[in-house]
């Protein structure tokens, strides 16, 4: 799996990578209703990720997200891409 830069001509301080990884969501809306879902990650940077869950998520809702990150990309969580390349 080789990542590519999401948008080469952007002005972002930290580059985003196109990584299509599964992402697992879990949310407890109230005592009687919770949901689980698996979706795909669209892209990733050291400061954030882009994804589209199927369930509607209100601002402020607490989500538990699990991403099986390939070992060679774990360092992206701590170091900006400019320092790696």
PDB file of N, CA and C in Angstrom:
ATOM      1  N   UNK A   1       0.839  -1.163   0.000  1.00  0.00           N
ATOM      2  CA  UNK A   1       0.000   0.000   0.000  1.00  0.00           C
ATOM      3  C   UNK A   1       0.896   1.242   0.000  1.00  0.00           C
ATOM      4  N   UNK A   2       0.867   1.994  -1.084  1.00  0.00           N
ATOM      5  CA  UNK A   2       1.679   3.189  -1.193  1.00  0.00           C
ATOM      6  C   UNK A   2       0.773   4.401  -1.126  1.00  0.00           C
ATOM      7  N   UNK A   3       0.979   5.285  -0.145  1.00  0.00           N
ATOM      8  CA  UNK A   3       0.130   6.462  -0.042  1.00  0.00           C
ATOM      9  C   UNK A   3       0.511   7.485  -1.092  1.00  0.00           C
ATOM     10  N   UNK A   4      -0.449   8.292  -1.506  1.00  0.00           N
ATOM     11  CA  UNK A   4      -0.177   9.418  -2.383  1.00  0.00           C
ATOM     12  C   UNK A   4      -0.647  10.678  -1.691  1.00  0.00           C
ATOM     13  N   UNK A   5      -0.113  11.798  -2.094  1.00  0.00           N
ATOM     14  CA  UNK A   5      -0.532  13.056  -1.485  1.00  0.00           C
ATOM     15  C   UNK A   5      -1.935  13.383  -1.960  1.00  0.00           C
ATOM     16  N   UNK A   6      -2.783  13.780  -1.035  1.00  0.00           N
ATOM     17  CA  UNK A   6      -4.190  14.006  -1.341  1.00  0.00           C
ATOM     18  C   UNK A   6      -4.373  15.148  -2.332  1.00  0.00           C
ATOM     19  N   UNK A   7      -3.721  16.264  -2.109  1.00  0.00           N
ATOM     20  CA  UNK A   7      -3.850  17.418  -2.987  1.00  0.00           C
ATOM     21  C   UNK A   7      -2.477  18.048  -3.118  1.00  0.00           C
ATOM     22  N   UNK A   8      -1.860  17.877  -4.261  1.00  0.00           N
ATOM     23  CA  UNK A   8      -0.497  18.365  -4.443  1.00  0.00           C
ATOM     24  C   UNK A   8      -0.434  19.890  -4.449  1.00  0.00           C
ATOM     25  N   UNK A   9      -1.471  20.565  -4.917  1.00  0.00           N
ATOM     26  CA  UNK A   9      -1.421  22.011  -5.077  1.00  0.00           C
ATOM     27  C   UNK A   9      -2.108  22.767  -3.942  1.00  0.00           C
ATOM     28  N   UNK A  10      -2.148  22.200  -2.763  1.00  0.00           N
ATOM     29  CA  UNK A  10      -2.792  22.912  -1.663  1.00  0.00           C
ATOM     30  C   UNK A  10      -1.752  23.681  -0.860  1.00  0.00           C
ATOM     31  N   UNK A  11      -2.231  24.514   0.018  1.00  0.00           N
ATOM     32  CA  UNK A  11      -1.350  25.332   0.849  1.00  0.00           C
ATOM     33  C   UNK A  11      -1.305  24.835   2.283  1.00  0.00           C
ATOM     34  N   UNK A  12      -1.543  23.579   2.490  1.00  0.00           N
ATOM     35  CA  UNK A  12      -1.523  23.022   3.836  1.00  0.00           C
ATOM     36  C   UNK A  12      -0.109  22.991   4.377  1.00  0.00           C
ATOM     37  N   UNK A  13       0.019  23.305   5.647  1.00  0.00           N
ATOM     38  CA  UNK A  13       1.318  23.226   6.309  1.00  0.00           C
ATOM     39  C   UNK A  13       1.759  21.773   6.428  1.00  0.00           C
ATOM     40  N   UNK A  14       0.816  20.884   6.665  1.00  0.00           N
ATOM     41  CA  UNK A  14       1.105  19.457   6.785  1.00  0.00           C
ATOM     42  C   UNK A  14       0.346  18.728   5.681  1.00  0.00           C
ATOM     43  N   UNK A  15       1.064  17.980   4.871  1.00  0.00           N
ATOM     44  CA  UNK A  15       0.471  17.255   3.748  1.00  0.00           C
ATOM     45  C   UNK A  15      -0.475  16.163   4.238  1.00  0.00           C
ATOM     46  N   UNK A  16      -1.475  15.871   3.410  1.00  0.00           N
ATOM     47  CA  UNK A  16      -2.397  14.776   3.678  1.00  0.00           C
ATOM     48  C   UNK A  16      -2.076  13.630   2.727  1.00  0.00           C
ATOM     49  N   UNK A  17      -2.244  12.407   3.204  1.00  0.00           N
ATOM     50  CA  UNK A  17      -2.008  11.217   2.397  1.00  0.00           C
ATOM     51  C   UNK A  17      -3.324  10.531   2.081  1.00  0.00           C
ATOM     52  N   UNK A  18      -3.473  10.074   0.834  1.00  0.00           N
ATOM     53  CA  UNK A  18      -4.628   9.245   0.480  1.00  0.00           C
ATOM     54  C   UNK A  18      -4.363   7.838   1.003  1.00  0.00           C
ATOM     55  N   UNK A  19      -5.065   7.456   2.032  1.00  0.00           N
ATOM     56  CA  UNK A  19      -4.955   6.104   2.586  1.00  0.00           C
ATOM     57  C   UNK A  19      -6.363   5.562   2.755  1.00  0.00           C
ATOM     58  N   UNK A  20      -6.673   4.524   2.034  1.00  0.00           N
ATOM     59  CA  UNK A  20      -7.990   3.916   2.147  1.00  0.00           C
ATOM     60  C   UNK A  20      -7.888   2.744   3.120  1.00  0.00           C
ATOM     61  N   UNK A  21      -8.102   3.048   4.395  1.00  0.00           N
ATOM     62  CA  UNK A  21      -8.041   2.030   5.447  1.00  0.00           C
ATOM     63  C   UNK A  21      -9.417   1.876   6.080  1.00  0.00           C
ATOM     64  N   UNK A  22      -9.732   0.696   6.593  1.00  0.00           N
ATOM     65  CA  UNK A  22     -10.994   0.553   7.316  1.00  0.00           C
ATOM     66  C   UNK A  22     -10.924   1.319   8.635  1.00  0.00           C
ATOM     67  N   UNK A  23     -12.038   1.889   9.020  1.00  0.00           N
ATOM     68  CA  UNK A  23     -12.126   2.590  10.301  1.00  0.00           C
ATOM     69  C   UNK A  23     -13.408   2.122  10.987  1.00  0.00           C
ATOM     70  N   UNK A  24     -13.290   1.728  12.244  1.00  0.00           N
ATOM     71  CA  UNK A  24     -14.426   1.204  13.010  1.00  0.00           C
ATOM     72  C   UNK A  24     -14.921   2.292  13.948  1.00  0.00           C
ATOM     73  N   UNK A  25     -16.221   2.576  13.891  1.00  0.00           N
ATOM     74  CA  UNK A  25     -16.851   3.572  14.751  1.00  0.00           C
ATOM     75  C   UNK A  25     -17.746   2.872  15.764  1.00  0.00           C
ATOM     76  N   UNK A  26     -17.829   3.447  16.942  1.00  0.00           N
ATOM     77  CA  UNK A  26     -18.790   3.002  17.940  1.00  0.00           C
ATOM     78  C   UNK A  26     -19.279   4.235  18.679  1.00  0.00           C
ATOM     79  N   UNK A  27     -20.589   4.344  18.848  1.00  0.00           N
ATOM     80  CA  UNK A  27     -21.164   5.486  19.548  1.00  0.00           C
ATOM     81  C   UNK A  27     -22.323   5.038  20.430  1.00  0.00           C
ATOM     82  N   UNK A  28     -22.380   5.584  21.614  1.00  0.00           N
ATOM     83  CA  UNK A  28     -23.488   5.340  22.535  1.00  0.00           C
ATOM     84  C   UNK A  28     -24.305   6.626  22.598  1.00  0.00           C
ATOM     85  N   UNK A  29     -25.440   6.624  21.909  1.00  0.00           N
ATOM     86  CA  UNK A  29     -26.282   7.818  21.819  1.00  0.00           C
ATOM     87  C   UNK A  29     -26.994   8.058  23.152  1.00  0.00           C
ATOM     88  N   UNK A  30     -27.563   7.011  23.723  1.00  0.00           N
ATOM     89  CA  UNK A  30     -28.174   7.080  25.051  1.00  0.00           C
ATOM     90  C   UNK A  30     -28.152   5.669  25.629  1.00  0.00           C
ATOM     91  N   UNK A  31     -28.794   5.472  26.776  1.00  0.00           N
ATOM     92  CA  UNK A  31     -28.749   4.160  27.435  1.00  0.00           C
ATOM     93  C   UNK A  31     -29.404   3.058  26.613  1.00  0.00           C
ATOM     94  N   UNK A  32     -30.354   3.421  25.757  1.00  0.00           N
ATOM     95  CA  UNK A  32     -31.073   2.395  25.004  1.00  0.00           C
ATOM     96  C   UNK A  32     -30.631   2.280  23.543  1.00  0.00           C
ATOM     97  N   UNK A  33     -29.789   3.181  23.064  1.00  0.00           N
ATOM     98  CA  UNK A  33     -29.402   3.136  21.657  1.00  0.00           C
ATOM     99  C   UNK A  33     -27.913   3.400  21.478  1.00  0.00           C
ATOM    100  N   UNK A  34     -27.258   2.479  20.799  1.00  0.00           N
ATOM    101  CA  UNK A  34     -25.866   2.649  20.398  1.00  0.00           C
ATOM    102  C   UNK A  34     -25.716   2.045  19.003  1.00  0.00           C
ATOM    103  N   UNK A  35     -24.655   2.391  18.334  1.00  0.00           N
ATOM    104  CA  UNK A  35     -24.422   1.833  17.015  1.00  0.00           C
ATOM    105  C   UNK A  35     -22.941   1.583  16.777  1.00  0.00           C
ATOM    106  N   UNK A  36     -22.692   0.642  15.868  1.00  0.00           N
ATOM    107  CA  UNK A  36     -21.330   0.312  15.432  1.00  0.00           C
ATOM    108  C   UNK A  36     -21.336   0.293  13.917  1.00  0.00           C
ATOM    109  N   UNK A  37     -20.199   0.664  13.336  1.00  0.00           N
ATOM    110  CA  UNK A  37     -20.113   0.744  11.883  1.00  0.00           C
ATOM    111  C   UNK A  37     -18.655   0.626  11.451  1.00  0.00           C
ATOM    112  N   UNK A  38     -18.446   0.076  10.275  1.00  0.00           N
ATOM    113  CA  UNK A  38     -17.122   0.071   9.664  1.00  0.00           C
ATOM    114  C   UNK A  38     -17.225   0.855   8.366  1.00  0.00           C
ATOM    115  N   UNK A  39     -16.358   1.840   8.190  1.00  0.00           N
ATOM    116  CA  UNK A  39     -16.332   2.670   6.983  1.00  0.00           C
ATOM    117  C   UNK A  39     -14.893   2.716   6.474  1.00  0.00           C
ATOM    118  N   UNK A  40     -14.613   3.585   5.524  1.00  0.00           N
ATOM    119  CA  UNK A  40     -13.270   3.717   4.967  1.00  0.00           C
ATOM    120  C   UNK A  40     -12.725   5.106   5.283  1.00  0.00           C
ATOM    121  N   UNK A  41     -11.443   5.126   5.595  1.00  0.00           N
ATOM    122  CA  UNK A  41     -10.710   6.365   5.775  1.00  0.00           C
ATOM    123  C   UNK A  41     -10.412   6.921   4.389  1.00  0.00           C
ATOM    124  N   UNK A  42     -10.618   8.225   4.183  1.00  0.00           N
ATOM    125  CA  UNK A  42     -10.341   8.836   2.882  1.00  0.00           C
ATOM    126  C   UNK A  42      -8.908   9.335   2.791  1.00  0.00           C
ATOM    127  N   UNK A  43      -8.495  10.108   3.764  1.00  0.00           N
ATOM    128  CA  UNK A  43      -7.104  10.554   3.807  1.00  0.00           C
ATOM    129  C   UNK A  43      -6.713  10.855   5.242  1.00  0.00           C
ATOM    130  N   UNK A  44      -5.398  11.089   5.433  1.00  0.00           N
ATOM    131  CA  UNK A  44      -4.841  11.161   6.775  1.00  0.00           C
ATOM    132  C   UNK A  44      -3.680  12.137   6.796  1.00  0.00           C
ATOM    133  N   UNK A  45      -3.534  12.862   7.901  1.00  0.00           N
ATOM    134  CA  UNK A  45      -2.347  13.684   8.128  1.00  0.00           C
ATOM    135  C   UNK A  45      -1.934  13.493   9.581  1.00  0.00           C
ATOM    136  N   UNK A  46      -0.872  14.147   9.975  1.00  0.00           N
ATOM    137  CA  UNK A  46      -0.422  14.055  11.358  1.00  0.00           C
ATOM    138  C   UNK A  46      -1.412  14.716  12.309  1.00  0.00           C
ATOM    139  N   UNK A  47      -2.282  15.587  11.796  1.00  0.00           N
ATOM    140  CA  UNK A  47      -3.213  16.320  12.655  1.00  0.00           C
ATOM    141  C   UNK A  47      -4.675  15.973  12.445  1.00  0.00           C
ATOM    142  N   UNK A  48      -4.979  15.065  11.525  1.00  0.00           N
ATOM    143  CA  UNK A  48      -6.391  14.755  11.331  1.00  0.00           C
ATOM    144  C   UNK A  48      -6.616  13.689  10.287  1.00  0.00           C
ATOM    145  N   UNK A  49      -7.888  13.362  10.101  1.00  0.00           N
ATOM    146  CA  UNK A  49      -8.275  12.333   9.148  1.00  0.00           C
ATOM    147  C   UNK A  49      -9.617  12.713   8.535  1.00  0.00           C
ATOM    148  N   UNK A  50      -9.867  12.225   7.326  1.00  0.00           N
ATOM    149  CA  UNK A  50     -11.128  12.467   6.635  1.00  0.00           C
ATOM    150  C   UNK A  50     -11.831  11.131   6.456  1.00  0.00           C
ATOM    151  N   UNK A  51     -13.095  11.069   6.875  1.00  0.00           N
ATOM    152  CA  UNK A  51     -13.872   9.835   6.776  1.00  0.00           C
ATOM    153  C   UNK A  51     -15.341  10.204   6.711  1.00  0.00           C
ATOM    154  N   UNK A  52     -16.164   9.275   6.227  1.00  0.00           N
ATOM    155  CA  UNK A  52     -17.598   9.512   6.066  1.00  0.00           C
ATOM    156  C   UNK A  52     -18.397   8.362   6.658  1.00  0.00           C
ATOM    157  N   UNK A  53     -18.778   8.450   7.926  1.00  0.00           N
ATOM    158  CA  UNK A  53     -19.628   7.395   8.486  1.00  0.00           C
ATOM    159  C   UNK A  53     -21.034   7.468   7.888  1.00  0.00           C
ATOM    160  N   UNK A  54     -21.708   6.341   7.806  1.00  0.00           N
ATOM    161  CA  UNK A  54     -23.074   6.307   7.277  1.00  0.00           C
ATOM    162  C   UNK A  54     -24.088   6.863   8.275  1.00  0.00           C
ATOM    163  N   UNK A  55     -23.827   6.641   9.568  1.00  0.00           N
ATOM    164  CA  UNK A  55     -24.739   7.156  10.589  1.00  0.00           C
ATOM    165  C   UNK A  55     -24.552   8.667  10.734  1.00  0.00           C
ATOM    166  N   UNK A  56     -25.650   9.403  10.941  1.00  0.00           N
ATOM    167  CA  UNK A  56     -25.497  10.836  11.201  1.00  0.00           C
ATOM    168  C   UNK A  56     -24.832  11.051  12.561  1.00  0.00           C
ATOM    169  N   UNK A  57     -23.907  11.991  12.611  1.00  0.00           N
ATOM    170  CA  UNK A  57     -23.177  12.273  13.843  1.00  0.00           C
ATOM    171  C   UNK A  57     -23.311  13.755  14.152  1.00  0.00           C
ATOM    172  N   UNK A  58     -23.928  14.062  15.289  1.00  0.00           N
ATOM    173  CA  UNK A  58     -24.089  15.459  15.699  1.00  0.00           C
ATOM    174  C   UNK A  58     -22.781  15.999  16.256  1.00  0.00           C
ATOM    175  N   UNK A  59     -22.575  17.277  16.065  1.00  0.00           N
ATOM    176  CA  UNK A  59     -21.402  17.943  16.617  1.00  0.00           C
ATOM    177  C   UNK A  59     -21.398  17.769  18.139  1.00  0.00           C
ATOM    178  N   UNK A  60     -20.279  17.366  18.678  1.00  0.00           N
ATOM    179  CA  UNK A  60     -20.165  17.143  20.111  1.00  0.00           C
ATOM    180  C   UNK A  60     -20.387  15.697  20.536  1.00  0.00           C
ATOM    181  N   UNK A  61     -20.825  14.860  19.592  1.00  0.00           N
ATOM    182  CA  UNK A  61     -21.060  13.449  19.906  1.00  0.00           C
ATOM    183  C   UNK A  61     -19.724  12.740  20.095  1.00  0.00           C
ATOM    184  N   UNK A  62     -19.628  11.925  21.116  1.00  0.00           N
ATOM    185  CA  UNK A  62     -18.422  11.175  21.393  1.00  0.00           C
ATOM    186  C   UNK A  62     -18.409   9.895  20.555  1.00  0.00           C
ATOM    187  N   UNK A  63     -17.343   9.722  19.770  1.00  0.00           N
ATOM    188  CA  UNK A  63     -17.175   8.534  18.945  1.00  0.00           C
ATOM    189  C   UNK A  63     -15.910   7.812  19.364  1.00  0.00           C
ATOM    190  N   UNK A  64     -15.983   6.503  19.404  1.00  0.00           N
ATOM    191  CA  UNK A  64     -14.776   5.709  19.562  1.00  0.00           C
ATOM    192  C   UNK A  64     -14.415   5.219  18.169  1.00  0.00           C
ATOM    193  N   UNK A  65     -13.186   5.531  17.727  1.00  0.00           N
ATOM    194  CA  UNK A  65     -12.748   5.151  16.395  1.00  0.00           C
ATOM    195  C   UNK A  65     -11.494   4.292  16.507  1.00  0.00           C
ATOM    196  N   UNK A  66     -11.465   3.229  15.733  1.00  0.00           N
ATOM    197  CA  UNK A  66     -10.311   2.336  15.708  1.00  0.00           C
ATOM    198  C   UNK A  66      -9.845   2.207  14.268  1.00  0.00           C
ATOM    199  N   UNK A  67      -8.557   2.509  14.038  1.00  0.00           N
ATOM    200  CA  UNK A  67      -7.966   2.403  12.705  1.00  0.00           C
ATOM    201  C   UNK A  67      -6.793   1.432  12.783  1.00  0.00           C
ATOM    202  N   UNK A  68      -6.805   0.348  11.999  1.00  0.00           N
ATOM    203  CA  UNK A  68      -5.666  -0.558  11.991  1.00  0.00           C
ATOM    204  C   UNK A  68      -4.538   0.043  11.147  1.00  0.00           C
ATOM    205  N   UNK A  69      -3.717   0.873  11.771  1.00  0.00           N
ATOM    206  CA  UNK A  69      -2.676   1.617  11.067  1.00  0.00           C
ATOM    207  C   UNK A  69      -1.504   0.713  10.713  1.00  0.00           C
ATOM    208  N   UNK A  70      -1.108   0.679   9.428  1.00  0.00           N
ATOM    209  CA  UNK A  70       0.088  -0.092   9.063  1.00  0.00           C
ATOM    210  C   UNK A  70       1.300   0.422   9.837  1.00  0.00           C
ATOM    211  N   UNK A  71       2.133  -0.483  10.274  1.00  0.00           N
ATOM    212  CA  UNK A  71       3.263  -0.135  11.128  1.00  0.00           C
ATOM    213  C   UNK A  71       4.142   0.961  10.527  1.00  0.00           C
ATOM    214  N   UNK A  72       4.343   0.953   9.221  1.00  0.00           N
ATOM    215  CA  UNK A  72       5.233   1.938   8.617  1.00  0.00           C
ATOM    216  C   UNK A  72       4.652   3.352   8.633  1.00  0.00           C
ATOM    217  N   UNK A  73       3.358   3.521   8.972  1.00  0.00           N
ATOM    218  CA  UNK A  73       2.750   4.849   9.033  1.00  0.00           C
ATOM    219  C   UNK A  73       2.468   5.315  10.453  1.00  0.00           C
ATOM    220  N   UNK A  74       2.748   4.514  11.450  1.00  0.00           N
ATOM    221  CA  UNK A  74       2.462   4.896  12.832  1.00  0.00           C
ATOM    222  C   UNK A  74       3.206   6.175  13.208  1.00  0.00           C
ATOM    223  N   UNK A  75       4.412   6.363  12.708  1.00  0.00           N
ATOM    224  CA  UNK A  75       5.191   7.560  13.039  1.00  0.00           C
ATOM    225  C   UNK A  75       4.537   8.837  12.531  1.00  0.00           C
ATOM    226  N   UNK A  76       3.602   8.769  11.569  1.00  0.00           N
ATOM    227  CA  UNK A  76       2.934   9.964  11.062  1.00  0.00           C
ATOM    228  C   UNK A  76       2.096  10.652  12.124  1.00  0.00           C
ATOM    229  N   UNK A  77       1.716   9.918  13.144  1.00  0.00           N
ATOM    230  CA  UNK A  77       0.922  10.493  14.216  1.00  0.00           C
ATOM    231  C   UNK A  77       1.736  11.510  15.001  1.00  0.00           C
ATOM    232  N   UNK A  78       3.042  11.323  15.054  1.00  0.00           N
ATOM    233  CA  UNK A  78       3.885  12.158  15.895  1.00  0.00           C
ATOM    234  C   UNK A  78       4.754  13.144  15.131  1.00  0.00           C
ATOM    235  N   UNK A  79       5.029  12.905  13.852  1.00  0.00           N
ATOM    236  CA  UNK A  79       5.942  13.759  13.101  1.00  0.00           C
ATOM    237  C   UNK A  79       5.268  14.275  11.840  1.00  0.00           C
ATOM    238  N   UNK A  80       5.378  15.574  11.553  1.00  0.00           N
ATOM    239  CA  UNK A  80       4.834  16.088  10.288  1.00  0.00           C
ATOM    240  C   UNK A  80       5.533  15.447   9.094  1.00  0.00           C
ATOM    241  N   UNK A  81       4.823  15.322   7.978  1.00  0.00           N
ATOM    242  CA  UNK A  81       5.365  14.653   6.802  1.00  0.00           C
ATOM    243  C   UNK A  81       6.608  15.333   6.258  1.00  0.00           C
ATOM    244  N   UNK A  82       6.703  16.655   6.394  1.00  0.00           N
ATOM    245  CA  UNK A  82       7.868  17.365   5.876  1.00  0.00           C
ATOM    246  C   UNK A  82       9.152  16.859   6.517  1.00  0.00           C
ATOM    247  N   UNK A  83       9.086  16.428   7.773  1.00  0.00           N
ATOM    248  CA  UNK A  83      10.267  15.929   8.465  1.00  0.00           C
ATOM    249  C   UNK A  83      10.641  14.521   8.029  1.00  0.00           C
ATOM    250  N   UNK A  84       9.703  13.787   7.444  1.00  0.00           N
ATOM    251  CA  UNK A  84       9.930  12.403   7.055  1.00  0.00           C
ATOM    252  C   UNK A  84      10.515  12.330   5.659  1.00  0.00           C
ATOM    253  N   UNK A  85       9.992  13.152   4.750  1.00  0.00           N
ATOM    254  CA  UNK A  85      10.396  13.077   3.343  1.00  0.00           C
ATOM    255  C   UNK A  85      11.771  13.659   3.108  1.00  0.00           C
TER     256      UNK A  85
END
